[in-house]
N, C-alpha and C. Protein backbone atom coordinates (compact mmCIF):
# COMPACT_ATOMS: atom_id res chain seq x y z
N MET A 1 62.21 30.92 -31.96
CA MET A 1 63.41 31.14 -31.17
C MET A 1 64.48 31.77 -32.04
N ARG A 2 65.22 32.66 -31.45
CA ARG A 2 66.29 33.34 -32.17
C ARG A 2 67.66 32.92 -31.67
N LEU A 3 67.71 31.88 -30.87
CA LEU A 3 68.99 31.41 -30.36
C LEU A 3 69.72 30.64 -31.46
N PRO A 4 71.06 30.57 -31.38
CA PRO A 4 71.86 30.00 -32.47
C PRO A 4 71.43 28.62 -32.95
N VAL A 5 71.03 27.74 -32.06
CA VAL A 5 70.68 26.39 -32.50
C VAL A 5 69.35 26.34 -33.26
N TYR A 6 68.55 27.39 -33.17
CA TYR A 6 67.24 27.38 -33.80
C TYR A 6 67.14 28.28 -35.04
N ALA A 7 67.86 29.38 -35.04
CA ALA A 7 67.68 30.37 -36.10
C ALA A 7 69.01 30.67 -36.78
N HIS A 8 69.00 30.64 -38.10
CA HIS A 8 70.20 30.90 -38.89
C HIS A 8 69.89 31.98 -39.92
N GLY A 9 70.91 32.70 -40.34
CA GLY A 9 70.76 33.69 -41.40
C GLY A 9 69.93 34.90 -41.02
N LEU A 10 69.95 35.28 -39.77
CA LEU A 10 69.19 36.45 -39.33
C LEU A 10 69.87 37.72 -39.82
N ASP A 11 69.07 38.67 -40.32
CA ASP A 11 69.67 39.91 -40.80
C ASP A 11 69.52 41.07 -39.83
N HIS A 12 68.77 40.88 -38.75
CA HIS A 12 68.62 41.91 -37.73
C HIS A 12 68.14 41.26 -36.42
N PRO A 13 68.40 41.92 -35.31
CA PRO A 13 67.95 41.36 -34.03
C PRO A 13 66.46 41.61 -33.81
N LEU A 14 65.84 40.75 -33.04
CA LEU A 14 64.49 40.98 -32.57
C LEU A 14 64.61 41.87 -31.34
N ARG A 15 63.85 42.95 -31.31
CA ARG A 15 63.87 43.87 -30.17
C ARG A 15 62.62 43.65 -29.34
N VAL A 16 62.80 43.44 -28.06
CA VAL A 16 61.70 43.28 -27.12
C VAL A 16 61.74 44.45 -26.16
N TYR A 17 60.65 45.21 -26.09
CA TYR A 17 60.54 46.35 -25.19
C TYR A 17 59.51 45.99 -24.12
N GLY A 18 59.84 46.26 -22.88
CA GLY A 18 58.87 45.98 -21.83
C GLY A 18 59.28 46.55 -20.49
N HIS A 19 58.37 46.42 -19.54
CA HIS A 19 58.63 46.89 -18.18
C HIS A 19 59.52 45.88 -17.45
N ASP A 20 59.81 46.16 -16.19
CA ASP A 20 60.76 45.35 -15.42
C ASP A 20 60.45 43.86 -15.44
N ALA A 21 59.18 43.49 -15.24
CA ALA A 21 58.83 42.06 -15.19
C ALA A 21 59.04 41.39 -16.54
N VAL A 22 58.76 42.09 -17.62
CA VAL A 22 58.98 41.53 -18.96
C VAL A 22 60.47 41.28 -19.18
N VAL A 23 61.28 42.26 -18.84
CA VAL A 23 62.73 42.11 -19.00
C VAL A 23 63.23 40.94 -18.15
N ARG A 24 62.79 40.87 -16.91
CA ARG A 24 63.22 39.80 -16.01
C ARG A 24 62.81 38.42 -16.55
N LYS A 25 61.58 38.29 -17.01
CA LYS A 25 61.10 37.00 -17.51
C LYS A 25 61.82 36.60 -18.80
N CYS A 26 62.11 37.56 -19.65
CA CYS A 26 62.88 37.26 -20.86
C CYS A 26 64.28 36.77 -20.50
N ARG A 27 64.91 37.44 -19.56
CA ARG A 27 66.26 37.04 -19.15
C ARG A 27 66.25 35.65 -18.52
N GLU A 28 65.21 35.35 -17.75
CA GLU A 28 65.09 34.01 -17.16
C GLU A 28 64.94 32.95 -18.24
N ALA A 29 64.22 33.28 -19.30
CA ALA A 29 63.96 32.31 -20.36
C ALA A 29 65.14 32.12 -21.30
N VAL A 30 65.84 33.21 -21.65
CA VAL A 30 66.88 33.11 -22.67
C VAL A 30 68.24 33.62 -22.22
N GLY A 31 68.35 34.08 -21.00
CA GLY A 31 69.63 34.59 -20.52
C GLY A 31 69.95 35.93 -21.17
N ARG A 32 71.18 36.07 -21.60
CA ARG A 32 71.62 37.30 -22.27
C ARG A 32 72.18 36.92 -23.64
N PRO A 33 71.28 36.72 -24.59
CA PRO A 33 71.73 36.29 -25.91
C PRO A 33 72.52 37.37 -26.63
N ASP A 34 73.19 36.94 -27.67
CA ASP A 34 73.96 37.82 -28.53
C ASP A 34 73.06 38.94 -29.04
N ALA A 35 73.56 40.18 -28.96
CA ALA A 35 72.77 41.35 -29.39
C ALA A 35 72.46 41.33 -30.89
N GLU A 36 73.13 40.48 -31.64
CA GLU A 36 72.81 40.37 -33.06
C GLU A 36 71.53 39.55 -33.27
N ARG A 37 71.09 38.85 -32.22
CA ARG A 37 69.90 38.01 -32.31
C ARG A 37 68.70 38.59 -31.57
N LEU A 38 68.93 39.09 -30.36
CA LEU A 38 67.84 39.52 -29.50
C LEU A 38 68.31 40.66 -28.61
N ILE A 39 67.54 41.75 -28.61
CA ILE A 39 67.81 42.89 -27.74
C ILE A 39 66.59 43.08 -26.85
N ILE A 40 66.81 43.00 -25.56
CA ILE A 40 65.74 43.17 -24.58
C ILE A 40 65.96 44.53 -23.92
N GLN A 41 64.97 45.41 -24.05
CA GLN A 41 65.13 46.78 -23.57
C GLN A 41 64.00 47.17 -22.63
N ARG A 42 64.37 47.63 -21.46
CA ARG A 42 63.40 48.13 -20.48
C ARG A 42 62.87 49.48 -20.96
N ILE A 43 61.58 49.67 -20.83
CA ILE A 43 60.96 50.94 -21.19
C ILE A 43 60.09 51.39 -20.02
N GLN A 44 60.13 52.67 -19.72
CA GLN A 44 59.41 53.25 -18.59
C GLN A 44 58.16 53.98 -19.08
N PRO A 45 57.18 54.17 -18.22
CA PRO A 45 56.01 54.96 -18.60
C PRO A 45 56.41 56.34 -19.12
N PHE A 46 55.78 56.74 -20.20
CA PHE A 46 55.96 58.02 -20.88
C PHE A 46 57.29 58.12 -21.63
N GLU A 47 58.03 57.04 -21.71
CA GLU A 47 59.27 57.01 -22.50
C GLU A 47 58.91 56.68 -23.94
N THR A 48 59.52 57.41 -24.87
CA THR A 48 59.33 57.16 -26.30
C THR A 48 60.60 56.56 -26.86
N VAL A 49 60.44 55.48 -27.62
CA VAL A 49 61.58 54.86 -28.29
C VAL A 49 61.34 54.89 -29.80
N ASP A 50 62.41 55.08 -30.52
CA ASP A 50 62.38 55.00 -31.97
C ASP A 50 62.79 53.58 -32.33
N THR A 51 61.85 52.79 -32.81
CA THR A 51 62.13 51.39 -33.12
C THR A 51 62.80 51.21 -34.48
N GLY A 52 62.95 52.30 -35.20
CA GLY A 52 63.49 52.22 -36.56
C GLY A 52 62.39 52.21 -37.60
N THR A 53 61.20 51.82 -37.20
CA THR A 53 60.05 51.83 -38.12
C THR A 53 58.91 52.67 -37.58
N ALA A 54 58.92 52.96 -36.28
CA ALA A 54 57.85 53.75 -35.66
C ALA A 54 58.36 54.35 -34.36
N LEU A 55 57.67 55.39 -33.90
CA LEU A 55 57.91 55.92 -32.57
C LEU A 55 56.88 55.28 -31.65
N VAL A 56 57.33 54.73 -30.54
CA VAL A 56 56.44 54.04 -29.61
C VAL A 56 56.62 54.65 -28.23
N THR A 57 55.50 55.07 -27.64
CA THR A 57 55.51 55.63 -26.30
C THR A 57 54.77 54.69 -25.36
N ALA A 58 55.42 54.35 -24.25
CA ALA A 58 54.80 53.51 -23.23
C ALA A 58 53.93 54.38 -22.33
N LEU A 59 52.74 53.90 -22.03
CA LEU A 59 51.80 54.61 -21.17
C LEU A 59 51.35 53.69 -20.04
N PRO A 60 51.08 54.23 -18.86
CA PRO A 60 50.65 53.38 -17.75
C PRO A 60 49.32 52.69 -18.02
N ALA A 61 49.27 51.43 -17.64
CA ALA A 61 48.03 50.64 -17.69
C ALA A 61 47.53 50.44 -16.26
N ASN A 62 46.34 49.88 -16.16
CA ASN A 62 45.75 49.57 -14.86
C ASN A 62 45.44 48.07 -14.88
N HIS A 63 46.47 47.25 -14.61
CA HIS A 63 46.29 45.81 -14.75
C HIS A 63 46.73 45.03 -13.51
N ASP A 64 47.98 45.15 -13.13
CA ASP A 64 48.52 44.40 -12.00
C ASP A 64 49.24 45.37 -11.08
N PRO A 65 48.75 45.56 -9.86
CA PRO A 65 49.38 46.54 -8.97
C PRO A 65 50.81 46.19 -8.58
N ASP A 66 51.23 44.96 -8.81
CA ASP A 66 52.59 44.55 -8.47
C ASP A 66 53.59 44.75 -9.61
N GLU A 67 53.10 45.23 -10.76
CA GLU A 67 53.97 45.46 -11.92
C GLU A 67 53.67 46.83 -12.52
N THR A 68 54.63 47.33 -13.27
CA THR A 68 54.44 48.57 -14.02
C THR A 68 53.93 48.19 -15.40
N CYS A 69 52.65 47.91 -15.49
CA CYS A 69 52.07 47.45 -16.76
C CYS A 69 51.93 48.62 -17.73
N LEU A 70 52.07 48.31 -19.01
CA LEU A 70 52.14 49.36 -20.02
C LEU A 70 51.16 49.15 -21.16
N LEU A 71 50.71 50.27 -21.70
CA LEU A 71 49.96 50.35 -22.95
C LEU A 71 50.88 51.08 -23.92
N PHE A 72 50.50 51.12 -25.20
CA PHE A 72 51.41 51.74 -26.16
C PHE A 72 50.70 52.67 -27.13
N TYR A 73 51.35 53.81 -27.38
CA TYR A 73 50.93 54.77 -28.39
C TYR A 73 52.00 54.70 -29.47
N MET A 74 51.57 54.45 -30.71
CA MET A 74 52.52 54.27 -31.80
C MET A 74 52.25 55.28 -32.91
N GLU A 75 53.32 55.83 -33.45
CA GLU A 75 53.23 56.79 -34.55
C GLU A 75 54.09 56.32 -35.72
N LYS A 76 53.50 56.38 -36.90
CA LYS A 76 54.25 56.02 -38.10
C LYS A 76 53.58 56.69 -39.29
N ASP A 77 54.37 57.31 -40.13
CA ASP A 77 53.89 57.92 -41.37
C ASP A 77 52.68 58.82 -41.13
N GLY A 78 52.72 59.60 -40.06
CA GLY A 78 51.65 60.55 -39.78
C GLY A 78 50.39 59.95 -39.19
N LYS A 79 50.39 58.67 -38.89
CA LYS A 79 49.23 57.99 -38.30
C LYS A 79 49.58 57.56 -36.88
N SER A 80 48.54 57.45 -36.04
CA SER A 80 48.78 57.09 -34.65
C SER A 80 47.78 56.03 -34.18
N ILE A 81 48.29 55.13 -33.35
CA ILE A 81 47.51 54.00 -32.83
C ILE A 81 47.70 53.93 -31.32
N PHE A 82 46.61 53.70 -30.60
CA PHE A 82 46.66 53.41 -29.17
C PHE A 82 46.38 51.93 -29.02
N TYR A 83 47.30 51.20 -28.40
CA TYR A 83 47.17 49.76 -28.19
C TYR A 83 46.89 49.54 -26.71
N GLY A 84 45.62 49.35 -26.37
CA GLY A 84 45.20 49.29 -24.99
C GLY A 84 44.72 47.92 -24.56
N HIS A 85 45.65 47.00 -24.36
CA HIS A 85 45.32 45.63 -23.94
C HIS A 85 45.77 45.41 -22.50
N ASP A 86 45.13 44.47 -21.86
CA ASP A 86 45.48 44.09 -20.49
C ASP A 86 45.46 45.30 -19.57
N THR A 87 44.31 45.94 -19.55
CA THR A 87 44.13 47.09 -18.66
C THR A 87 42.68 47.15 -18.22
N GLY A 88 42.50 47.78 -17.08
CA GLY A 88 41.17 48.18 -16.66
C GLY A 88 40.95 49.58 -17.20
N LEU A 89 40.15 50.36 -16.50
CA LEU A 89 39.96 51.75 -16.91
C LEU A 89 41.32 52.44 -16.91
N LEU A 90 41.51 53.33 -17.87
CA LEU A 90 42.82 53.96 -18.02
C LEU A 90 43.15 54.84 -16.82
N PRO A 91 44.40 54.80 -16.35
CA PRO A 91 44.81 55.71 -15.28
C PRO A 91 44.68 57.16 -15.74
N GLU A 92 44.37 58.04 -14.83
CA GLU A 92 44.18 59.45 -15.19
C GLU A 92 45.44 60.03 -15.84
N GLU A 93 46.62 59.61 -15.40
CA GLU A 93 47.85 60.14 -15.99
C GLU A 93 47.97 59.74 -17.47
N THR A 94 47.41 58.60 -17.84
CA THR A 94 47.38 58.20 -19.25
C THR A 94 46.43 59.10 -20.02
N TRP A 95 45.26 59.37 -19.44
CA TRP A 95 44.32 60.29 -20.08
C TRP A 95 44.95 61.67 -20.30
N VAL A 96 45.64 62.17 -19.29
CA VAL A 96 46.27 63.50 -19.41
C VAL A 96 47.24 63.50 -20.58
N TRP A 97 48.06 62.45 -20.70
CA TRP A 97 49.02 62.38 -21.80
C TRP A 97 48.28 62.31 -23.13
N LEU A 98 47.24 61.49 -23.20
CA LEU A 98 46.51 61.32 -24.46
C LEU A 98 45.81 62.59 -24.92
N THR A 99 45.44 63.48 -24.02
CA THR A 99 44.74 64.70 -24.43
C THR A 99 45.60 65.58 -25.32
N ASN A 100 46.89 65.37 -25.32
CA ASN A 100 47.79 66.14 -26.18
C ASN A 100 48.13 65.42 -27.48
N HIS A 101 47.40 64.35 -27.78
CA HIS A 101 47.67 63.54 -28.97
C HIS A 101 46.36 63.17 -29.65
N LYS A 102 46.42 62.93 -30.92
CA LYS A 102 45.25 62.53 -31.70
C LYS A 102 45.44 61.10 -32.18
N LEU A 103 44.36 60.33 -32.13
CA LEU A 103 44.41 58.93 -32.53
C LEU A 103 43.66 58.69 -33.82
N ASP A 104 44.27 57.90 -34.69
CA ASP A 104 43.58 57.39 -35.88
C ASP A 104 42.92 56.06 -35.58
N LEU A 105 43.46 55.34 -34.60
CA LEU A 105 42.95 54.01 -34.27
C LEU A 105 43.18 53.74 -32.79
N ALA A 106 42.14 53.24 -32.12
CA ALA A 106 42.25 52.77 -30.74
C ALA A 106 41.89 51.29 -30.74
N ILE A 107 42.81 50.47 -30.26
CA ILE A 107 42.58 49.02 -30.15
C ILE A 107 42.46 48.71 -28.67
N LEU A 108 41.29 48.18 -28.28
CA LEU A 108 41.01 47.99 -26.86
C LEU A 108 40.71 46.54 -26.52
N ASP A 109 41.13 46.15 -25.36
CA ASP A 109 40.84 44.87 -24.72
C ASP A 109 39.34 44.81 -24.42
N CYS A 110 38.72 43.68 -24.68
CA CYS A 110 37.32 43.46 -24.26
C CYS A 110 37.21 42.05 -23.67
N THR A 111 38.20 41.71 -22.85
CA THR A 111 38.30 40.37 -22.29
C THR A 111 37.02 39.92 -21.60
N ASN A 112 36.40 40.81 -20.85
CA ASN A 112 35.26 40.41 -20.03
C ASN A 112 33.92 40.52 -20.73
N GLY A 113 33.90 40.97 -21.98
CA GLY A 113 32.65 41.00 -22.73
C GLY A 113 31.51 41.58 -21.94
N ASN A 114 30.42 40.82 -21.78
CA ASN A 114 29.25 41.30 -21.05
C ASN A 114 29.27 40.86 -19.58
N LEU A 115 30.39 40.30 -19.13
CA LEU A 115 30.53 39.93 -17.73
C LEU A 115 30.82 41.18 -16.90
N PRO A 116 30.68 41.10 -15.59
CA PRO A 116 30.96 42.26 -14.75
C PRO A 116 32.40 42.74 -14.90
N PHE A 117 32.59 44.02 -14.74
CA PHE A 117 33.90 44.64 -14.80
C PHE A 117 34.74 44.15 -13.63
N THR A 118 35.98 43.72 -13.90
CA THR A 118 36.85 43.18 -12.85
C THR A 118 37.94 44.14 -12.42
N GLY A 119 38.19 45.17 -13.19
CA GLY A 119 39.22 46.13 -12.83
C GLY A 119 40.52 45.96 -13.59
N SER A 120 40.86 44.75 -14.02
CA SER A 120 42.14 44.56 -14.71
C SER A 120 41.98 44.25 -16.19
N HIS A 121 40.76 44.07 -16.63
CA HIS A 121 40.43 43.90 -18.04
C HIS A 121 39.13 44.64 -18.31
N LEU A 122 38.94 45.03 -19.55
CA LEU A 122 37.73 45.77 -19.91
C LEU A 122 36.58 44.85 -20.25
N ASN A 123 35.37 45.36 -20.06
CA ASN A 123 34.17 44.70 -20.55
C ASN A 123 33.50 45.65 -21.54
N ILE A 124 32.35 45.29 -22.06
CA ILE A 124 31.68 46.10 -23.08
C ILE A 124 31.41 47.51 -22.57
N GLU A 125 30.87 47.61 -21.37
CA GLU A 125 30.55 48.92 -20.79
C GLU A 125 31.79 49.80 -20.67
N ALA A 126 32.90 49.23 -20.23
CA ALA A 126 34.14 49.99 -20.07
C ALA A 126 34.72 50.40 -21.42
N VAL A 127 34.63 49.53 -22.42
CA VAL A 127 35.09 49.87 -23.77
C VAL A 127 34.32 51.09 -24.28
N LEU A 128 33.01 51.05 -24.13
CA LEU A 128 32.18 52.17 -24.59
C LEU A 128 32.54 53.46 -23.84
N ALA A 129 32.78 53.35 -22.55
CA ALA A 129 33.14 54.54 -21.76
C ALA A 129 34.46 55.13 -22.24
N ILE A 130 35.45 54.29 -22.50
CA ILE A 130 36.75 54.78 -22.97
C ILE A 130 36.62 55.39 -24.35
N ARG A 131 35.96 54.68 -25.27
CA ARG A 131 35.80 55.22 -26.62
C ARG A 131 35.05 56.56 -26.58
N ASN A 132 33.98 56.62 -25.79
CA ASN A 132 33.20 57.86 -25.70
C ASN A 132 34.04 59.01 -25.15
N ARG A 133 34.82 58.75 -24.13
CA ARG A 133 35.67 59.81 -23.58
C ARG A 133 36.72 60.24 -24.60
N MET A 134 37.29 59.29 -25.33
CA MET A 134 38.25 59.65 -26.38
C MET A 134 37.60 60.56 -27.42
N GLN A 135 36.36 60.28 -27.77
CA GLN A 135 35.65 61.13 -28.73
C GLN A 135 35.35 62.49 -28.13
N GLU A 136 34.80 62.51 -26.93
CA GLU A 136 34.40 63.76 -26.28
C GLU A 136 35.58 64.69 -26.05
N GLU A 137 36.74 64.14 -25.73
CA GLU A 137 37.92 64.96 -25.45
C GLU A 137 38.75 65.23 -26.70
N GLY A 138 38.28 64.78 -27.87
CA GLY A 138 38.98 65.04 -29.11
C GLY A 138 40.26 64.25 -29.28
N ILE A 139 40.41 63.18 -28.52
CA ILE A 139 41.60 62.32 -28.63
C ILE A 139 41.48 61.44 -29.87
N LEU A 140 40.34 60.82 -30.05
CA LEU A 140 40.07 60.01 -31.24
C LEU A 140 39.58 60.94 -32.33
N ARG A 141 40.29 60.99 -33.43
CA ARG A 141 39.90 61.87 -34.54
C ARG A 141 38.47 61.54 -34.98
N PRO A 142 37.76 62.50 -35.55
CA PRO A 142 36.38 62.23 -35.99
C PRO A 142 36.28 61.04 -36.93
N GLU A 143 37.29 60.84 -37.77
CA GLU A 143 37.29 59.70 -38.70
C GLU A 143 38.01 58.49 -38.10
N GLY A 144 38.46 58.61 -36.85
CA GLY A 144 39.21 57.54 -36.19
C GLY A 144 38.35 56.32 -35.94
N LYS A 145 39.00 55.19 -35.85
CA LYS A 145 38.32 53.90 -35.65
C LYS A 145 38.67 53.32 -34.29
N THR A 146 37.76 52.51 -33.78
CA THR A 146 37.99 51.75 -32.56
C THR A 146 37.79 50.27 -32.88
N VAL A 147 38.72 49.46 -32.41
CA VAL A 147 38.66 48.01 -32.60
C VAL A 147 38.70 47.35 -31.23
N VAL A 148 37.85 46.35 -31.03
CA VAL A 148 37.90 45.56 -29.80
C VAL A 148 38.43 44.17 -30.12
N THR A 149 39.23 43.65 -29.20
CA THR A 149 39.85 42.34 -29.37
C THR A 149 40.17 41.77 -27.99
N HIS A 150 40.95 40.69 -27.94
CA HIS A 150 41.39 40.09 -26.68
C HIS A 150 40.18 39.58 -25.89
N PHE A 151 39.33 38.80 -26.55
CA PHE A 151 38.12 38.27 -25.94
C PHE A 151 38.41 36.95 -25.24
N SER A 152 37.81 36.77 -24.08
CA SER A 152 37.90 35.49 -23.39
C SER A 152 36.79 34.57 -23.87
N HIS A 153 37.09 33.28 -23.98
CA HIS A 153 36.04 32.33 -24.33
C HIS A 153 35.02 32.22 -23.20
N ASN A 154 35.37 32.70 -22.03
CA ASN A 154 34.45 32.63 -20.88
C ASN A 154 33.27 33.59 -20.98
N ILE A 155 33.32 34.55 -21.91
CA ILE A 155 32.21 35.50 -22.00
C ILE A 155 30.99 34.90 -22.68
N GLY A 156 31.18 33.80 -23.38
CA GLY A 156 30.04 33.11 -23.98
C GLY A 156 29.43 33.82 -25.17
N LEU A 157 30.18 34.70 -25.82
CA LEU A 157 29.68 35.41 -26.99
C LEU A 157 30.49 35.03 -28.22
N LEU A 158 29.81 34.73 -29.30
CA LEU A 158 30.47 34.45 -30.57
C LEU A 158 30.69 35.76 -31.32
N HIS A 159 31.47 35.69 -32.39
CA HIS A 159 31.80 36.89 -33.16
C HIS A 159 30.55 37.63 -33.62
N ASP A 160 29.58 36.93 -34.17
CA ASP A 160 28.35 37.59 -34.64
C ASP A 160 27.60 38.27 -33.50
N GLU A 161 27.63 37.67 -32.32
CA GLU A 161 26.96 38.28 -31.17
C GLU A 161 27.70 39.54 -30.71
N LEU A 162 29.02 39.51 -30.75
CA LEU A 162 29.80 40.71 -30.44
C LEU A 162 29.54 41.81 -31.47
N ARG A 163 29.44 41.43 -32.72
CA ARG A 163 29.14 42.42 -33.77
C ARG A 163 27.77 43.04 -33.56
N ALA A 164 26.80 42.25 -33.14
CA ALA A 164 25.46 42.79 -32.89
C ALA A 164 25.50 43.87 -31.81
N ILE A 165 26.42 43.74 -30.88
CA ILE A 165 26.57 44.74 -29.81
C ILE A 165 27.37 45.94 -30.30
N PHE A 166 28.49 45.70 -30.98
CA PHE A 166 29.42 46.78 -31.30
C PHE A 166 29.17 47.47 -32.64
N ASP A 167 28.60 46.80 -33.63
CA ASP A 167 28.35 47.45 -34.92
C ASP A 167 27.53 48.73 -34.77
N PRO A 168 26.44 48.74 -33.99
CA PRO A 168 25.68 49.98 -33.84
C PRO A 168 26.48 51.12 -33.19
N GLU A 169 27.55 50.76 -32.50
CA GLU A 169 28.42 51.75 -31.85
C GLU A 169 29.58 52.17 -32.75
N ASP A 170 29.61 51.66 -33.98
CA ASP A 170 30.69 51.93 -34.93
C ASP A 170 32.05 51.48 -34.37
N ILE A 171 32.04 50.33 -33.69
CA ILE A 171 33.25 49.72 -33.17
C ILE A 171 33.45 48.40 -33.90
N ILE A 172 34.66 48.19 -34.38
CA ILE A 172 34.99 47.00 -35.16
C ILE A 172 35.37 45.86 -34.22
N VAL A 173 34.79 44.69 -34.44
CA VAL A 173 35.13 43.50 -33.66
C VAL A 173 36.22 42.74 -34.42
N ALA A 174 37.37 42.58 -33.79
CA ALA A 174 38.50 41.91 -34.44
C ALA A 174 38.25 40.42 -34.61
N TYR A 175 39.03 39.82 -35.49
CA TYR A 175 38.97 38.38 -35.73
C TYR A 175 40.36 37.93 -36.18
N ASP A 176 40.62 36.65 -36.08
CA ASP A 176 41.91 36.10 -36.47
C ASP A 176 42.19 36.43 -37.93
N GLY A 177 43.38 36.91 -38.21
CA GLY A 177 43.79 37.22 -39.57
C GLY A 177 43.37 38.60 -40.04
N MET A 178 42.71 39.36 -39.21
CA MET A 178 42.23 40.70 -39.59
C MET A 178 43.41 41.61 -39.92
N MET A 179 43.26 42.39 -40.98
CA MET A 179 44.25 43.39 -41.35
C MET A 179 43.55 44.73 -41.44
N LEU A 180 44.17 45.76 -40.88
CA LEU A 180 43.61 47.10 -40.90
C LEU A 180 44.56 48.02 -41.67
N TYR A 181 43.99 48.91 -42.43
CA TYR A 181 44.78 49.89 -43.17
C TYR A 181 44.30 51.28 -42.77
N LEU A 182 45.25 52.14 -42.42
CA LEU A 182 44.92 53.51 -42.08
C LEU A 182 45.24 54.39 -43.27
N ASN A 183 44.23 55.04 -43.79
CA ASN A 183 44.43 55.92 -44.95
C ASN A 183 44.67 57.34 -44.52
């Protein structure tokens, strides 16, 4: 918590960027705190914000039809990352935007593992389809990496079992505490 009774000696505010529902839920939880502690900022699809450490562009997700769900493209020090969590297959407008950008790293949701595709989260088959299209369309650089994460315990697969599926596809299976370095 960054509210006065919990946090002291802060040297900068925490910035939260999100769509309408995120902003609304944050305001419900913490009201309108002092801008020296917390800044809540609405971001729209295809809007780019300079966070002070990276450029972040919000892209449409396919998750909840009642919300403007977002994915994120991040650029820093000449490297780029696509953060694709809580989405089904990418909306075509997201693909169109991505075709004009190159990725060093794609991080994808694999919530449904080997379970049937539900539309709002990816499964193994959908992850492979997205990664393959990124490669075929030149979005993912030839040396670019793909990481899968956001696994549900309901899929019934352990880390080693996920690796047995994804290692042959040159896709990295994330784990708690994992650190990635882009060279």
